[in-house]
Each structure stands twice: as C-alpha cells, then as structure tokens.
C-alpha atoms as a PDB file:
ATOM      1  CA  MET A   1      -4.013  14.887  17.345  1.00  0.00           C
ATOM      2  CA  THR A   2      -1.366  16.439  19.846  1.00  0.00           C
ATOM      3  CA  GLN A   3       0.868  18.873  19.349  1.00  0.00           C
ATOM      4  CA  ASP A   4       3.798  16.530  19.162  1.00  0.00           C
ATOM      5  CA  LYS A   5       2.108  14.490  16.917  1.00  0.00           C
ATOM      6  CA  PHE A   6       1.512  17.269  14.459  1.00  0.00           C
ATOM      7  CA  ASN A   7       5.014  18.389  14.882  1.00  0.00           C
ATOM      8  CA  GLU A   8       6.436  15.216  13.899  1.00  0.00           C
ATOM      9  CA  MET A   9       4.213  15.050  10.842  1.00  0.00           C
ATOM     10  CA  MET A  10       5.045  18.383   9.941  1.00  0.00           C
ATOM     11  CA  ASN A  11       8.693  17.753  10.159  1.00  0.00           C
ATOM     12  CA  THR A  12       8.418  14.468   7.923  1.00  0.00           C
ATOM     13  CA  TYR A  13       6.608  16.734   5.482  1.00  0.00           C
ATOM     14  CA  ILE A  14       9.225  19.297   5.289  1.00  0.00           C
ATOM     15  CA  ASN A  15      12.213  16.678   5.083  1.00  0.00           C
ATOM     16  CA  GLU A  16      10.231  14.872   2.325  1.00  0.00           C
ATOM     17  CA  GLN A  17       9.806  18.331   0.392  1.00  0.00           C
ATOM     18  CA  ALA A  18      13.503  19.336   0.780  1.00  0.00           C
ATOM     19  CA  GLU A  19      14.472  15.785  -0.765  1.00  0.00           C
ATOM     20  CA  LYS A  20      12.525  16.481  -4.010  1.00  0.00           C
ATOM     21  CA  ASP A  21      14.095  17.394  -7.498  1.00  0.00           C
ATOM     22  CA  ALA A  22      13.855  20.897  -8.410  1.00  0.00           C
ATOM     23  CA  SER A  23      11.245  21.559 -11.434  1.00  0.00           C
ATOM     24  CA  SER A  24      12.829  21.789 -14.855  1.00  0.00           C
ATOM     25  CA  TRP A  25      11.132  25.318 -15.606  1.00  0.00           C
ATOM     26  CA  SER A  26      13.581  27.008 -13.044  1.00  0.00           C
ATOM     27  CA  LYS A  27      16.894  25.626 -14.432  1.00  0.00           C
ATOM     28  CA  ASP A  28      18.131  28.558 -15.965  1.00  0.00           C
ATOM     29  CA  ALA A  29      17.555  30.408 -12.944  1.00  0.00           C
ATOM     30  CA  ARG A  30      19.118  28.019 -10.505  1.00  0.00           C
ATOM     31  CA  ASN A  31      22.092  27.555 -12.792  1.00  0.00           C
ATOM     32  CA  TRP A  32      22.546  31.381 -12.521  1.00  0.00           C
ATOM     33  CA  ALA A  33      21.911  31.677  -8.756  1.00  0.00           C
ATOM     34  CA  GLU A  34      24.190  28.716  -8.092  1.00  0.00           C
ATOM     35  CA  SER A  35      26.992  30.117 -10.493  1.00  0.00           C
ATOM     36  CA  LYS A  36      26.918  33.523  -8.650  1.00  0.00           C
ATOM     37  CA  GLY A  37      27.251  31.755  -5.424  1.00  0.00           C
ATOM     38  CA  PHE A  38      23.655  33.036  -4.091  1.00  0.00           C
ATOM     39  CA  ILE A  39      22.660  29.463  -3.361  1.00  0.00           C
ATOM     40  CA  LYS A  40      25.162  27.221  -1.965  1.00  0.00           C
ATOM     41  CA  GLY A  41      22.867  24.343  -0.228  1.00  0.00           C
ATOM     42  CA  ASP A  42      23.533  23.253   3.348  1.00  0.00           C
ATOM     43  CA  ASP A  43      26.654  21.537   4.839  1.00  0.00           C
ATOM     44  CA  LYS A  44      25.899  18.458   2.579  1.00  0.00           C
ATOM     45  CA  GLY A  45      25.320  20.597  -0.577  1.00  0.00           C
ATOM     46  CA  ARG A  46      21.613  19.885  -0.766  1.00  0.00           C
ATOM     47  CA  THR A  47      19.920  23.042  -2.427  1.00  0.00           C
ATOM     48  CA  MET A  48      16.538  21.852  -1.074  1.00  0.00           C
ATOM     49  CA  TYR A  49      14.564  23.896  -3.991  1.00  0.00           C
ATOM     50  CA  LYS A  50      11.145  22.406  -2.746  1.00  0.00           C
ATOM     51  CA  LYS A  51      11.643  23.301   0.913  1.00  0.00           C
ATOM     52  CA  PHE A  52      10.032  26.461   2.561  1.00  0.00           C
ATOM     53  CA  ILE A  53      12.681  29.184   2.976  1.00  0.00           C
ATOM     54  CA  THR A  54      13.265  30.700   6.439  1.00  0.00           C
ATOM     55  CA  ARG A  55      13.896  34.575   6.952  1.00  0.00           C
ATOM     56  CA  GLU A  56      17.160  33.358   8.275  1.00  0.00           C
ATOM     57  CA  GLU A  57      18.022  31.582   4.646  1.00  0.00           C
ATOM     58  CA  MET A  58      16.415  34.667   2.820  1.00  0.00           C
ATOM     59  CA  ILE A  59      18.594  37.217   4.624  1.00  0.00           C
ATOM     60  CA  VAL A  60      21.732  35.095   3.838  1.00  0.00           C
ATOM     61  CA  VAL A  61      20.483  34.972  -0.144  1.00  0.00           C
ATOM     62  CA  LEU A  62      19.887  38.718  -0.128  1.00  0.00           C
ATOM     63  CA  TYR A  63      23.256  39.230   1.806  1.00  0.00           C
ATOM     64  CA  ARG A  64      25.087  37.238  -0.867  1.00  0.00           C
ATOM     65  CA  VAL A  65      23.224  39.249  -3.632  1.00  0.00           C
ATOM     66  CA  MET A  66      23.849  42.775  -2.180  1.00  0.00           C
ATOM     67  CA  LYS A  67      27.588  41.793  -1.712  1.00  0.00           C
ATOM     68  CA  GLU A  68      28.344  40.584  -5.068  1.00  0.00           C
ATOM     69  CA  LYS A  69      26.810  43.787  -6.228  1.00  0.00           C
ATOM     70  CA  GLY A  70      29.185  45.750  -4.163  1.00  0.00           C
ATOM     71  CA  LEU A  71      26.144  47.293  -2.037  1.00  0.00           C
ATOM     72  CA  ILE A  72      27.558  46.287   1.191  1.00  0.00           C
END
C-alpha cells in the first residue's frame, strides 16, 4: 500500500465518522454544551461528534468554556 492510498483511505474513514449521528447516552451533555455555545459545529453547523478532535478544536472548546466562566 502506498502512502497516498493510505491517506485516501484515512480521509474517507474520518469523513464517514464525521457524518455519523451522536450516541443517545450523551444527549444531555451535548444539549448542555451546545446551549452554552461550547460546541457550535463547523461552518455548515455539523457537530461531528464521532470525529476525532484536533488540538486546535480542543483549544477552541476550552477557550469558550474559560471565557464563559470569566476566567479570560
């Protein structure tokens, strides 16, 4: 397998995960986080709960929480 083929397959997997619906067990926490504005989704409003989170995305969520708490 080439690196290009692996990258293509990995991108397909990540995109498929991003399209999956969130699990029912997280509904209350998701509703809370969304109502507080901690989770806003991408430019299309997709929250992509099944996708891996990047450090960049994590920092944005932490920033929103800290700002809401008046810590920054």
